[in-house]
Structure formats: C-alpha cells, structure tokens
Amino acid sequence: MVPPGYPPAMAGANVQVFGAPDSQATRAALRFFRERRVEVHLVDVTRKPMAPTELRRFVDRLGVRAVADPESRAWRDAGLGYLRMDDTELAERLLADQRLLRLPLVRVGNAVVAGRDEAGWKAMFAPERSR
C-alpha cells in the first residue's frame, strides 16, 4: 500500500539505487524509498562497477558534470581539481574510476537522478503531465 499523498505509480515501481552502503547519501535514498514502501534494489558500486551502458544512460540524461562528484575525496586524491577536461574525457574517467561518481544514482524506468535529491526522487513518481 502506498502512503496517502503519493501517486499509485509508486506501488509497482522498480527502483534501482547505484551507490555504496557506507555512503550517507545512499543510505538516505534507501530510507526515503523504504519509508514509502517502495521496493528498492541496491547495486553496490564498490563491489560491482556499473556497466558502461548503464552509466551512459545517466550521463546522456543528466550530463557528465551532474554525475561527477568534484567534492569527493577520490576526486581530490586523483588531482582532478587542477585538470581541465572536456565531457568525453571526464566520462572516460568516470568509467575507469567509479569512486568519482556523485552517489547515489537512482533510476526508476527512464527517470534518473544523481546525488541526494529528495525533490528529484519525488518527481520520479509524479504523473506524466506534471513532469
């Protein structure tokens, strides 16, 4: 049963959360969907990296800059703050080192959201006419 105020689309949703179990933002996403009784499938990117086609889906829809996390420790450790990269180079780096991703990456059908974004998660279930 879906809580009052949430569209029935949440009831049968197939939510995939790509993240790390030790990430606070990933835990927040899992909690957000579980509180709304939505079944969630967690893909632990620390154990099994995202497939290139799956990562490309996020990059194509959101842009490579929205999927990258320039505030992460991995970004600083790699010295990327001092490099100028075009979107193609950055996408290649993200594929090579997925620690550079803004987690969690959430997908429901064709809708995708990067990072901790509760408004974006709610919007994933909004009726088509309001998107």
Protein backbone atom coordinates (compact mmCIF):
# COMPACT_ATOMS: atom_id res chain seq x y z
CA MET A 1 0.00 0.00 0.00
CA VAL A 2 1.24 3.47 -0.87
CA PRO A 3 1.03 6.16 1.83
CA PRO A 4 -1.58 8.91 1.35
CA GLY A 5 -0.41 11.77 -0.82
CA TYR A 6 1.78 9.63 -3.07
CA PRO A 7 0.72 8.56 -6.53
CA PRO A 8 -0.17 4.92 -7.08
CA ALA A 9 2.75 4.70 -9.54
CA MET A 10 5.00 4.14 -6.53
CA ALA A 11 3.32 0.84 -5.75
CA GLY A 12 4.78 -1.20 -8.60
CA ALA A 13 7.90 0.85 -9.21
CA ASN A 14 11.21 -0.84 -9.87
CA VAL A 15 13.76 1.43 -8.18
CA GLN A 16 17.47 0.87 -8.69
CA VAL A 17 19.89 2.70 -6.44
CA PHE A 18 23.53 2.63 -7.52
CA GLY A 19 25.62 3.53 -4.51
CA ALA A 20 27.86 2.44 -1.68
CA PRO A 21 26.47 1.03 1.58
CA ASP A 22 28.84 3.25 3.59
CA SER A 23 27.66 6.42 1.79
CA GLN A 24 25.36 8.61 3.85
CA ALA A 25 23.56 9.83 0.71
CA THR A 26 22.96 6.25 -0.46
CA ARG A 27 21.52 5.30 2.93
CA ALA A 28 19.26 8.39 2.75
CA ALA A 29 17.94 7.28 -0.65
CA LEU A 30 17.27 3.76 0.59
CA ARG A 31 15.49 5.12 3.65
CA PHE A 32 13.45 7.56 1.50
CA PHE A 33 12.03 4.77 -0.68
CA ARG A 34 11.60 2.22 2.12
CA GLU A 35 9.63 4.73 4.19
CA ARG A 36 7.26 4.96 1.24
CA ARG A 37 7.08 1.17 0.99
CA VAL A 38 8.77 1.12 -2.42
CA GLU A 39 10.86 -1.92 -3.24
CA VAL A 40 14.48 -0.90 -3.82
CA HIS A 41 17.30 -2.79 -5.49
CA LEU A 42 20.72 -1.59 -4.28
CA VAL A 43 23.64 -2.03 -6.66
CA ASP A 44 26.84 -1.71 -4.62
CA VAL A 45 29.28 0.03 -6.98
CA THR A 46 32.16 -0.75 -4.61
CA ARG A 47 31.65 -4.48 -5.26
CA LYS A 48 30.32 -4.45 -8.81
CA PRO A 49 31.01 -1.42 -11.00
CA MET A 50 28.21 -0.02 -13.13
CA ALA A 51 28.02 -1.33 -16.67
CA PRO A 52 29.21 1.23 -19.24
CA THR A 53 25.76 1.32 -20.86
CA GLU A 54 24.08 1.97 -17.51
CA LEU A 55 26.48 4.79 -16.69
CA ARG A 56 26.00 6.18 -20.21
CA ARG A 57 22.22 6.34 -19.52
CA PHE A 58 22.83 8.68 -16.58
CA VAL A 59 25.39 10.76 -18.48
CA ASP A 60 23.13 11.13 -21.52
CA ARG A 61 20.12 12.22 -19.49
CA LEU A 62 21.79 14.37 -16.82
CA GLY A 63 25.12 15.39 -18.32
CA VAL A 64 28.54 14.20 -17.25
CA ARG A 65 29.08 17.16 -14.89
CA ALA A 66 25.92 16.31 -12.94
CA VAL A 67 27.07 12.70 -12.48
CA ALA A 68 30.62 13.55 -11.38
CA ASP A 69 31.37 14.48 -7.76
CA PRO A 70 34.15 17.09 -7.66
CA GLU A 71 33.75 17.33 -3.87
CA SER A 72 34.70 13.71 -3.25
CA ARG A 73 37.92 12.54 -1.66
CA ALA A 74 38.66 10.37 -4.72
CA TRP A 75 38.44 13.47 -6.93
CA ARG A 76 40.94 15.34 -4.74
CA ASP A 77 43.25 12.33 -4.40
CA ALA A 78 43.35 11.95 -8.19
CA GLY A 79 44.29 15.63 -8.53
CA LEU A 80 41.39 16.29 -10.88
CA GLY A 81 40.66 19.70 -9.41
CA TYR A 82 43.61 21.06 -11.35
CA LEU A 83 42.80 19.47 -14.70
CA ARG A 84 40.65 20.82 -17.48
CA MET A 85 38.72 18.02 -19.11
CA ASP A 86 36.07 18.05 -21.78
CA ASP A 87 32.95 15.96 -21.24
CA THR A 88 34.32 12.97 -23.19
CA GLU A 89 37.49 12.82 -21.08
CA LEU A 90 35.50 13.16 -17.88
CA ALA A 91 33.12 10.38 -18.93
CA GLU A 92 36.11 8.10 -19.59
CA ARG A 93 37.50 8.90 -16.12
CA LEU A 94 34.13 8.10 -14.53
CA LEU A 95 34.07 4.74 -16.28
CA ALA A 96 37.62 3.98 -15.17
CA ASP A 97 37.14 5.09 -11.55
CA GLN A 98 33.57 4.98 -10.30
CA ARG A 99 34.60 6.43 -6.95
CA LEU A 100 34.32 9.77 -8.79
CA LEU A 101 30.54 9.41 -9.19
CA ARG A 102 28.01 11.52 -7.31
CA LEU A 103 26.19 8.88 -5.29
CA PRO A 104 23.55 7.68 -5.21
CA LEU A 105 22.46 7.33 -8.80
CA VAL A 106 18.75 6.46 -8.78
CA ARG A 107 16.79 5.04 -11.70
CA VAL A 108 13.07 4.38 -11.97
CA GLY A 109 12.20 3.31 -15.50
CA ASN A 110 13.57 6.05 -17.74
CA ALA A 111 13.77 8.67 -14.97
CA VAL A 112 17.20 9.20 -13.40
CA VAL A 113 18.53 11.35 -10.55
CA ALA A 114 22.11 11.85 -9.35
CA GLY A 115 23.04 12.61 -5.77
CA ARG A 116 20.95 13.22 -2.69
CA ASP A 117 17.88 14.89 -4.16
CA GLU A 118 14.59 14.15 -2.39
CA ALA A 119 12.67 16.53 -4.65
CA GLY A 120 14.04 14.66 -7.67
CA TRP A 121 13.11 11.31 -6.15
CA LYS A 122 9.54 12.51 -5.53
CA ALA A 123 9.35 13.91 -9.07
CA MET A 124 10.19 10.47 -10.46
CA PHE A 125 6.73 9.36 -9.39
CA ALA A 126 4.84 12.45 -10.49
CA PRO A 127 2.21 11.93 -13.17
CA GLU A 128 3.49 12.42 -16.73
CA ARG A 129 1.53 15.63 -17.25
CA SER A 130 3.33 17.44 -14.42
CA ARG A 131 6.90 16.49 -15.44
